[in-house]
Amino acid sequence: MLIREAEKKDIPALRELWNAIVRSGDAFPQMELLRVDEAAAFFAGQSFTGVAERDGELIGLYILHPNNVGRCAHLANGSYAVREDMRGRGVGEALVRHSLLKARELGFRVLQFNAVTESNRTAIGLYEKLGFIRLGSVPGGFLRADGKYEDIILFYHLL
């Protein structure tokens, strides 16, 4: 598996994977699918968009960007997506590890996650394994696609 910076040729696969997660309604906060005419600008507008590639196929992605502006712009935020048929094979862990290094390289001091759904046990276990600190939870902070509210957990990792 190779993790590298996204390229223009990756945009259709990035959009497809991103939209699969949005469509599932159980991880990303976005509700609207990323349109074809928006995708290139969205991914180019991140501080970094990384892809996991195996045998020439995009199997995962991550994005990094400031979590806030101005005096809090040194805090990064990240989002991760792994193709459904590739889950449980270490792709997510490789993406998160790469993002920690890349965030530090970009000058961020902290990587913070604002909305890890309580039911995303795999991600929670991974973040804790990699040394992320649980800040607490927000009751009913996430609206699932089925209309139910779920608690979200906030995490951070010093870089």
N, C-alpha and C. Protein backbone atom coordinates (compact mmCIF):
# COMPACT_ATOMS: atom_id res chain seq x y z
N MET A 1 0.85 -1.18 0.00
CA MET A 1 0.00 0.00 0.00
C MET A 1 0.89 1.24 0.00
N LEU A 2 0.50 2.19 -0.81
CA LEU A 2 1.21 3.46 -0.93
C LEU A 2 0.28 4.57 -0.44
N ILE A 3 0.78 5.45 0.40
CA ILE A 3 0.02 6.64 0.78
C ILE A 3 0.76 7.83 0.19
N ARG A 4 0.02 8.64 -0.55
CA ARG A 4 0.62 9.75 -1.27
C ARG A 4 -0.36 10.91 -1.35
N GLU A 5 0.13 12.04 -1.82
CA GLU A 5 -0.73 13.19 -2.01
C GLU A 5 -1.67 12.92 -3.19
N ALA A 6 -2.90 13.37 -3.06
CA ALA A 6 -3.88 13.20 -4.13
C ALA A 6 -3.46 14.00 -5.35
N GLU A 7 -3.82 13.47 -6.50
CA GLU A 7 -3.55 14.12 -7.78
C GLU A 7 -4.87 14.34 -8.51
N LYS A 8 -4.82 15.15 -9.55
CA LYS A 8 -6.03 15.48 -10.31
C LYS A 8 -6.73 14.22 -10.82
N LYS A 9 -5.96 13.23 -11.23
CA LYS A 9 -6.53 11.99 -11.76
C LYS A 9 -7.34 11.21 -10.71
N ASP A 10 -7.11 11.51 -9.44
CA ASP A 10 -7.80 10.81 -8.35
C ASP A 10 -9.19 11.36 -8.05
N ILE A 11 -9.50 12.54 -8.56
CA ILE A 11 -10.72 13.24 -8.16
C ILE A 11 -11.98 12.37 -8.31
N PRO A 12 -12.22 11.68 -9.42
CA PRO A 12 -13.44 10.87 -9.49
C PRO A 12 -13.52 9.80 -8.39
N ALA A 13 -12.42 9.12 -8.11
CA ALA A 13 -12.42 8.09 -7.07
C ALA A 13 -12.55 8.71 -5.68
N LEU A 14 -11.90 9.85 -5.47
CA LEU A 14 -12.03 10.55 -4.19
C LEU A 14 -13.49 10.93 -3.94
N ARG A 15 -14.12 11.49 -4.96
CA ARG A 15 -15.52 11.91 -4.85
C ARG A 15 -16.42 10.72 -4.57
N GLU A 16 -16.18 9.63 -5.26
CA GLU A 16 -17.00 8.42 -5.07
C GLU A 16 -16.87 7.89 -3.64
N LEU A 17 -15.65 7.82 -3.14
CA LEU A 17 -15.43 7.32 -1.78
C LEU A 17 -16.01 8.29 -0.74
N TRP A 18 -15.77 9.57 -0.92
CA TRP A 18 -16.30 10.58 0.00
C TRP A 18 -17.83 10.47 0.06
N ASN A 19 -18.46 10.41 -1.10
CA ASN A 19 -19.92 10.35 -1.15
C ASN A 19 -20.48 9.06 -0.56
N ALA A 20 -19.74 7.98 -0.66
CA ALA A 20 -20.19 6.72 -0.05
C ALA A 20 -20.30 6.89 1.46
N ILE A 21 -19.34 7.60 2.07
CA ILE A 21 -19.38 7.82 3.51
C ILE A 21 -20.51 8.79 3.87
N VAL A 22 -20.64 9.86 3.10
CA VAL A 22 -21.73 10.82 3.35
C VAL A 22 -23.08 10.12 3.24
N ARG A 23 -23.22 9.32 2.21
CA ARG A 23 -24.49 8.60 1.95
C ARG A 23 -24.84 7.66 3.10
N SER A 24 -23.84 7.04 3.71
CA SER A 24 -24.11 6.10 4.80
C SER A 24 -24.74 6.79 6.00
N GLY A 25 -24.43 8.07 6.18
CA GLY A 25 -25.04 8.86 7.23
C GLY A 25 -24.68 8.47 8.64
N ASP A 26 -23.51 7.84 8.81
CA ASP A 26 -23.14 7.41 10.16
C ASP A 26 -21.73 7.82 10.59
N ALA A 27 -21.07 8.69 9.82
CA ALA A 27 -19.71 9.09 10.19
C ALA A 27 -19.41 10.55 9.88
N PHE A 28 -19.58 10.99 8.64
CA PHE A 28 -19.27 12.37 8.27
C PHE A 28 -20.46 13.27 8.60
N PRO A 29 -20.20 14.51 9.02
CA PRO A 29 -21.30 15.41 9.32
C PRO A 29 -22.02 15.96 8.08
N GLN A 30 -21.37 15.91 6.93
CA GLN A 30 -21.99 16.44 5.72
C GLN A 30 -23.26 15.65 5.38
N MET A 31 -24.25 16.36 4.85
CA MET A 31 -25.48 15.72 4.42
C MET A 31 -25.62 15.74 2.90
N GLU A 32 -24.99 16.71 2.28
CA GLU A 32 -25.07 16.86 0.83
C GLU A 32 -23.91 16.12 0.17
N LEU A 33 -24.23 15.41 -0.90
CA LEU A 33 -23.18 14.73 -1.65
C LEU A 33 -22.32 15.75 -2.38
N LEU A 34 -21.08 15.42 -2.56
CA LEU A 34 -20.14 16.28 -3.26
C LEU A 34 -20.41 16.14 -4.76
N ARG A 35 -20.75 17.26 -5.39
CA ARG A 35 -21.08 17.24 -6.83
C ARG A 35 -19.80 17.19 -7.67
N VAL A 36 -19.94 16.72 -8.88
CA VAL A 36 -18.82 16.62 -9.81
C VAL A 36 -18.13 17.97 -9.96
N ASP A 37 -18.92 19.03 -10.10
CA ASP A 37 -18.35 20.36 -10.32
C ASP A 37 -17.71 20.96 -9.07
N GLU A 38 -17.87 20.34 -7.92
CA GLU A 38 -17.29 20.84 -6.66
C GLU A 38 -16.06 20.05 -6.21
N ALA A 39 -15.96 18.83 -6.64
CA ALA A 39 -14.99 17.89 -6.06
C ALA A 39 -13.54 18.38 -6.16
N ALA A 40 -13.11 18.81 -7.32
CA ALA A 40 -11.71 19.22 -7.49
C ALA A 40 -11.37 20.37 -6.54
N ALA A 41 -12.25 21.37 -6.46
CA ALA A 41 -12.00 22.51 -5.58
C ALA A 41 -12.04 22.11 -4.11
N PHE A 42 -12.94 21.22 -3.75
CA PHE A 42 -13.04 20.77 -2.37
C PHE A 42 -11.74 20.12 -1.93
N PHE A 43 -11.25 19.15 -2.68
CA PHE A 43 -10.05 18.44 -2.28
C PHE A 43 -8.80 19.31 -2.40
N ALA A 44 -8.76 20.19 -3.39
CA ALA A 44 -7.62 21.12 -3.53
C ALA A 44 -7.62 22.16 -2.42
N GLY A 45 -8.77 22.45 -1.85
CA GLY A 45 -8.89 23.45 -0.81
C GLY A 45 -8.47 22.98 0.57
N GLN A 46 -8.12 21.73 0.71
CA GLN A 46 -7.65 21.20 1.99
C GLN A 46 -6.17 21.54 2.18
N SER A 47 -5.70 21.54 3.40
CA SER A 47 -4.27 21.71 3.63
C SER A 47 -3.50 20.55 3.02
N PHE A 48 -4.12 19.37 3.05
CA PHE A 48 -3.53 18.19 2.42
C PHE A 48 -4.63 17.17 2.18
N THR A 49 -4.62 16.56 1.02
CA THR A 49 -5.50 15.43 0.72
C THR A 49 -4.59 14.26 0.39
N GLY A 50 -4.69 13.22 1.18
CA GLY A 50 -3.88 12.02 0.98
C GLY A 50 -4.74 10.87 0.50
N VAL A 51 -4.11 9.99 -0.25
CA VAL A 51 -4.81 8.80 -0.73
C VAL A 51 -4.00 7.55 -0.38
N ALA A 52 -4.73 6.48 -0.12
CA ALA A 52 -4.11 5.16 0.02
C ALA A 52 -4.40 4.43 -1.28
N GLU A 53 -3.34 3.88 -1.85
CA GLU A 53 -3.46 3.22 -3.15
C GLU A 53 -2.86 1.82 -3.05
N ARG A 54 -3.55 0.87 -3.62
CA ARG A 54 -3.04 -0.50 -3.68
C ARG A 54 -3.28 -1.01 -5.10
N ASP A 55 -2.23 -1.48 -5.73
CA ASP A 55 -2.31 -2.00 -7.10
C ASP A 55 -2.99 -1.02 -8.04
N GLY A 56 -2.66 0.26 -7.88
CA GLY A 56 -3.19 1.30 -8.75
C GLY A 56 -4.61 1.74 -8.46
N GLU A 57 -5.22 1.19 -7.41
CA GLU A 57 -6.60 1.55 -7.06
C GLU A 57 -6.62 2.37 -5.79
N LEU A 58 -7.46 3.39 -5.75
CA LEU A 58 -7.63 4.21 -4.57
C LEU A 58 -8.50 3.43 -3.58
N ILE A 59 -7.95 3.17 -2.39
CA ILE A 59 -8.68 2.37 -1.39
C ILE A 59 -9.00 3.16 -0.12
N GLY A 60 -8.47 4.38 -0.03
CA GLY A 60 -8.74 5.21 1.14
C GLY A 60 -8.28 6.63 0.90
N LEU A 61 -8.74 7.51 1.77
CA LEU A 61 -8.35 8.92 1.66
C LEU A 61 -8.36 9.56 3.03
N TYR A 62 -7.66 10.68 3.13
CA TYR A 62 -7.82 11.55 4.29
C TYR A 62 -7.63 12.99 3.85
N ILE A 63 -8.24 13.88 4.62
CA ILE A 63 -8.04 15.31 4.41
C ILE A 63 -7.60 15.93 5.73
N LEU A 64 -6.78 16.96 5.62
CA LEU A 64 -6.36 17.77 6.76
C LEU A 64 -6.64 19.22 6.44
N HIS A 65 -7.07 19.96 7.44
CA HIS A 65 -7.29 21.40 7.30
C HIS A 65 -7.33 22.00 8.70
N PRO A 66 -7.20 23.33 8.80
CA PRO A 66 -7.30 23.94 10.12
C PRO A 66 -8.66 23.66 10.75
N ASN A 67 -8.66 23.39 12.03
CA ASN A 67 -9.90 23.13 12.75
C ASN A 67 -10.66 24.43 13.01
N ASN A 68 -9.92 25.55 12.96
CA ASN A 68 -10.52 26.84 13.23
C ASN A 68 -9.69 27.89 12.52
N VAL A 69 -9.90 29.15 12.82
CA VAL A 69 -9.20 30.24 12.14
C VAL A 69 -8.34 31.01 13.13
N GLY A 70 -7.52 31.90 12.61
CA GLY A 70 -6.77 32.84 13.42
C GLY A 70 -5.94 32.21 14.51
N ARG A 71 -6.22 32.56 15.75
CA ARG A 71 -5.43 32.10 16.88
C ARG A 71 -5.59 30.61 17.18
N CYS A 72 -6.49 29.97 16.49
CA CYS A 72 -6.67 28.52 16.66
C CYS A 72 -6.35 27.75 15.39
N ALA A 73 -5.75 28.42 14.42
CA ALA A 73 -5.46 27.79 13.13
C ALA A 73 -4.33 26.76 13.21
N HIS A 74 -3.65 26.68 14.33
CA HIS A 74 -2.58 25.68 14.50
C HIS A 74 -3.15 24.31 14.90
N LEU A 75 -4.46 24.25 15.10
CA LEU A 75 -5.14 22.98 15.38
C LEU A 75 -5.65 22.42 14.07
N ALA A 76 -5.24 21.22 13.75
CA ALA A 76 -5.71 20.56 12.52
C ALA A 76 -6.94 19.72 12.81
N ASN A 77 -7.69 19.48 11.77
CA ASN A 77 -8.82 18.56 11.81
C ASN A 77 -8.63 17.60 10.65
N GLY A 78 -9.03 16.37 10.83
CA GLY A 78 -8.90 15.38 9.76
C GLY A 78 -10.15 14.55 9.60
N SER A 79 -10.33 14.08 8.38
CA SER A 79 -11.41 13.14 8.07
C SER A 79 -10.80 12.00 7.27
N TYR A 80 -11.33 10.80 7.47
CA TYR A 80 -10.76 9.59 6.88
C TYR A 80 -11.86 8.75 6.26
N ALA A 81 -11.54 8.09 5.17
CA ALA A 81 -12.50 7.19 4.53
C ALA A 81 -11.73 6.01 3.95
N VAL A 82 -12.25 4.83 4.19
CA VAL A 82 -11.67 3.60 3.63
C VAL A 82 -12.75 2.90 2.84
N ARG A 83 -12.39 2.47 1.65
CA ARG A 83 -13.35 1.74 0.81
C ARG A 83 -13.89 0.54 1.59
N GLU A 84 -15.18 0.33 1.50
CA GLU A 84 -15.84 -0.67 2.34
C GLU A 84 -15.20 -2.06 2.23
N ASP A 85 -14.81 -2.46 1.03
CA ASP A 85 -14.24 -3.79 0.84
C ASP A 85 -12.80 -3.89 1.34
N MET A 86 -12.22 -2.77 1.78
CA MET A 86 -10.83 -2.77 2.26
C MET A 86 -10.73 -2.54 3.77
N ARG A 87 -11.86 -2.45 4.43
CA ARG A 87 -11.84 -2.19 5.88
C ARG A 87 -11.34 -3.42 6.63
N GLY A 88 -10.69 -3.16 7.76
CA GLY A 88 -10.15 -4.24 8.58
C GLY A 88 -8.81 -4.75 8.10
N ARG A 89 -8.16 -4.04 7.19
CA ARG A 89 -6.89 -4.48 6.62
C ARG A 89 -5.74 -3.51 6.91
N GLY A 90 -5.94 -2.61 7.86
CA GLY A 90 -4.87 -1.69 8.24
C GLY A 90 -4.80 -0.41 7.44
N VAL A 91 -5.74 -0.21 6.52
CA VAL A 91 -5.71 1.00 5.69
C VAL A 91 -5.97 2.24 6.54
N GLY A 92 -6.98 2.19 7.39
CA GLY A 92 -7.30 3.33 8.25
C GLY A 92 -6.14 3.69 9.15
N GLU A 93 -5.52 2.70 9.75
CA GLU A 93 -4.38 2.98 10.62
C GLU A 93 -3.25 3.64 9.84
N ALA A 94 -2.97 3.14 8.66
CA ALA A 94 -1.91 3.74 7.84
C ALA A 94 -2.24 5.19 7.50
N LEU A 95 -3.50 5.47 7.19
CA LEU A 95 -3.91 6.84 6.87
C LEU A 95 -3.75 7.76 8.09
N VAL A 96 -4.19 7.31 9.25
CA VAL A 96 -4.09 8.15 10.44
C VAL A 96 -2.63 8.39 10.80
N ARG A 97 -1.81 7.34 10.75
CA ARG A 97 -0.38 7.52 11.05
C ARG A 97 0.25 8.53 10.09
N HIS A 98 -0.06 8.41 8.80
CA HIS A 98 0.48 9.33 7.81
C HIS A 98 0.01 10.74 8.09
N SER A 99 -1.26 10.89 8.46
CA SER A 99 -1.81 12.23 8.70
C SER A 99 -1.15 12.89 9.91
N LEU A 100 -0.78 12.13 10.93
CA LEU A 100 -0.09 12.69 12.08
C LEU A 100 1.26 13.28 11.65
N LEU A 101 1.98 12.57 10.82
CA LEU A 101 3.26 13.06 10.33
C LEU A 101 3.07 14.27 9.43
N LYS A 102 2.09 14.19 8.53
CA LYS A 102 1.84 15.27 7.58
C LYS A 102 1.36 16.53 8.31
N ALA A 103 0.50 16.38 9.29
CA ALA A 103 0.02 17.55 10.04
C ALA A 103 1.19 18.26 10.73
N ARG A 104 2.07 17.49 11.33
CA ARG A 104 3.25 18.07 11.98
C ARG A 104 4.11 18.78 10.93
N GLU A 105 4.32 18.13 9.80
CA GLU A 105 5.12 18.70 8.72
C GLU A 105 4.52 20.02 8.22
N LEU A 106 3.20 20.12 8.23
CA LEU A 106 2.51 21.34 7.77
C LEU A 106 2.50 22.44 8.83
N GLY A 107 3.04 22.16 10.01
CA GLY A 107 3.14 23.17 11.04
C GLY A 107 2.01 23.17 12.06
N PHE A 108 1.10 22.21 11.97
CA PHE A 108 0.05 22.10 12.97
C PHE A 108 0.66 21.59 14.28
N ARG A 109 0.04 21.92 15.39
CA ARG A 109 0.54 21.50 16.70
C ARG A 109 -0.34 20.44 17.35
N VAL A 110 -1.58 20.33 16.89
CA VAL A 110 -2.55 19.41 17.45
C VAL A 110 -3.42 18.89 16.31
N LEU A 111 -3.78 17.60 16.37
CA LEU A 111 -4.79 17.05 15.46
C LEU A 111 -6.02 16.76 16.32
N GLN A 112 -7.12 17.38 15.97
CA GLN A 112 -8.34 17.27 16.77
C GLN A 112 -9.48 16.71 15.92
N PHE A 113 -10.24 15.80 16.52
CA PHE A 113 -11.45 15.28 15.87
C PHE A 113 -12.65 15.77 16.65
N ASN A 114 -13.57 16.40 15.97
CA ASN A 114 -14.73 17.03 16.61
C ASN A 114 -15.94 16.13 16.75
N ALA A 115 -16.03 15.09 15.95
CA ALA A 115 -17.31 14.38 15.90
C ALA A 115 -17.14 12.91 15.53
N VAL A 116 -16.52 12.15 16.41
CA VAL A 116 -16.40 10.71 16.20
C VAL A 116 -17.66 10.08 16.81
N THR A 117 -18.47 9.44 15.98
CA THR A 117 -19.71 8.88 16.50
C THR A 117 -19.42 7.75 17.48
N GLU A 118 -20.23 7.71 18.53
CA GLU A 118 -20.03 6.73 19.59
C GLU A 118 -20.09 5.28 19.07
N SER A 119 -20.85 5.06 18.01
CA SER A 119 -20.98 3.71 17.47
C SER A 119 -19.79 3.30 16.60
N ASN A 120 -18.91 4.23 16.27
CA ASN A 120 -17.76 3.93 15.41
C ASN A 120 -16.63 3.34 16.27
N ARG A 121 -16.89 2.17 16.81
CA ARG A 121 -15.97 1.50 17.73
C ARG A 121 -14.60 1.23 17.11
N THR A 122 -14.58 0.92 15.82
CA THR A 122 -13.30 0.64 15.16
C THR A 122 -12.42 1.88 15.18
N ALA A 123 -12.98 3.03 14.82
CA ALA A 123 -12.21 4.27 14.82
C ALA A 123 -11.78 4.64 16.23
N ILE A 124 -12.69 4.52 17.18
CA ILE A 124 -12.36 4.86 18.57
C ILE A 124 -11.19 4.01 19.07
N GLY A 125 -11.25 2.72 18.81
CA GLY A 125 -10.16 1.83 19.21
C GLY A 125 -8.84 2.21 18.56
N LEU A 126 -8.90 2.55 17.29
CA LEU A 126 -7.69 2.96 16.57
C LEU A 126 -7.12 4.24 17.15
N TYR A 127 -7.97 5.24 17.35
CA TYR A 127 -7.48 6.51 17.87
C TYR A 127 -6.85 6.33 19.25
N GLU A 128 -7.48 5.55 20.08
CA GLU A 128 -6.92 5.32 21.41
C GLU A 128 -5.60 4.55 21.32
N LYS A 129 -5.52 3.58 20.44
CA LYS A 129 -4.27 2.82 20.22
C LYS A 129 -3.13 3.75 19.79
N LEU A 130 -3.45 4.77 18.99
CA LEU A 130 -2.44 5.67 18.46
C LEU A 130 -2.15 6.85 19.39
N GLY A 131 -2.74 6.85 20.57
CA GLY A 131 -2.41 7.87 21.56
C GLY A 131 -3.28 9.11 21.56
N PHE A 132 -4.39 9.08 20.87
CA PHE A 132 -5.31 10.21 20.93
C PHE A 132 -5.95 10.26 22.32
N ILE A 133 -6.21 11.44 22.79
CA ILE A 133 -6.82 11.66 24.10
C ILE A 133 -8.30 11.99 23.90
N ARG A 134 -9.13 11.31 24.65
CA ARG A 134 -10.58 11.55 24.60
C ARG A 134 -10.88 12.78 25.47
N LEU A 135 -11.48 13.78 24.85
CA LEU A 135 -11.83 15.00 25.57
C LEU A 135 -13.17 14.89 26.29
N GLY A 136 -14.06 14.13 25.74
CA GLY A 136 -15.40 14.02 26.30
C GLY A 136 -16.39 13.75 25.18
N SER A 137 -17.65 13.86 25.51
CA SER A 137 -18.67 13.59 24.49
C SER A 137 -19.72 14.67 24.50
N VAL A 138 -20.42 14.76 23.39
CA VAL A 138 -21.53 15.69 23.23
C VAL A 138 -22.78 14.86 23.03
N PRO A 139 -23.69 14.89 23.99
CA PRO A 139 -24.92 14.09 23.88
C PRO A 139 -25.74 14.50 22.66
N GLY A 140 -26.08 13.52 21.85
CA GLY A 140 -26.92 13.77 20.69
C GLY A 140 -26.31 14.71 19.67
N GLY A 141 -24.99 14.75 19.60
CA GLY A 141 -24.31 15.69 18.70
C GLY A 141 -24.30 15.33 17.24
N PHE A 142 -24.76 14.15 16.90
CA PHE A 142 -24.72 13.70 15.50
C PHE A 142 -26.11 13.21 15.09
N LEU A 143 -26.60 13.73 13.98
CA LEU A 143 -27.88 13.29 13.43
C LEU A 143 -27.61 12.22 12.38
N ARG A 144 -28.00 11.00 12.68
CA ARG A 144 -27.78 9.88 11.76
C ARG A 144 -28.77 9.95 10.60
N ALA A 145 -28.47 9.24 9.55
CA ALA A 145 -29.34 9.22 8.37
C ALA A 145 -30.72 8.67 8.70
N ASP A 146 -30.82 7.82 9.72
CA ASP A 146 -32.12 7.25 10.09
C ASP A 146 -32.93 8.19 10.97
N GLY A 147 -32.43 9.42 11.20
CA GLY A 147 -33.16 10.41 11.98
C GLY A 147 -32.91 10.34 13.48
N LYS A 148 -32.12 9.39 13.93
CA LYS A 148 -31.81 9.27 15.36
C LYS A 148 -30.56 10.07 15.67
N TYR A 149 -30.51 10.59 16.91
CA TYR A 149 -29.34 11.33 17.37
C TYR A 149 -28.41 10.40 18.12
N GLU A 150 -27.12 10.63 17.93
CA GLU A 150 -26.09 9.80 18.57
C GLU A 150 -25.05 10.71 19.22
N ASP A 151 -24.49 10.26 20.31
CA ASP A 151 -23.42 11.02 20.96
C ASP A 151 -22.17 11.01 20.09
N ILE A 152 -21.42 12.11 20.19
CA ILE A 152 -20.13 12.18 19.51
C ILE A 152 -19.03 12.37 20.55
N ILE A 153 -17.85 11.86 20.21
CA ILE A 153 -16.69 11.95 21.08
C ILE A 153 -15.66 12.86 20.42
N LEU A 154 -15.03 13.70 21.21
CA LEU A 154 -13.98 14.58 20.73
C LEU A 154 -12.64 13.99 21.17
N PHE A 155 -11.68 14.01 20.25
CA PHE A 155 -10.33 13.50 20.51
C PHE A 155 -9.30 14.52 20.07
N TYR A 156 -8.11 14.45 20.67
CA TYR A 156 -7.00 15.25 20.17
C TYR A 156 -5.70 14.45 20.33
N HIS A 157 -4.71 14.86 19.54
CA HIS A 157 -3.36 14.26 19.62
C HIS A 157 -2.37 15.40 19.46
N LEU A 158 -1.48 15.55 20.44
CA LEU A 158 -0.42 16.56 20.32
C LEU A 158 0.57 16.13 19.25
N LEU A 159 0.99 17.08 18.45
CA LEU A 159 1.94 16.78 17.40
C LEU A 159 3.33 17.27 17.81
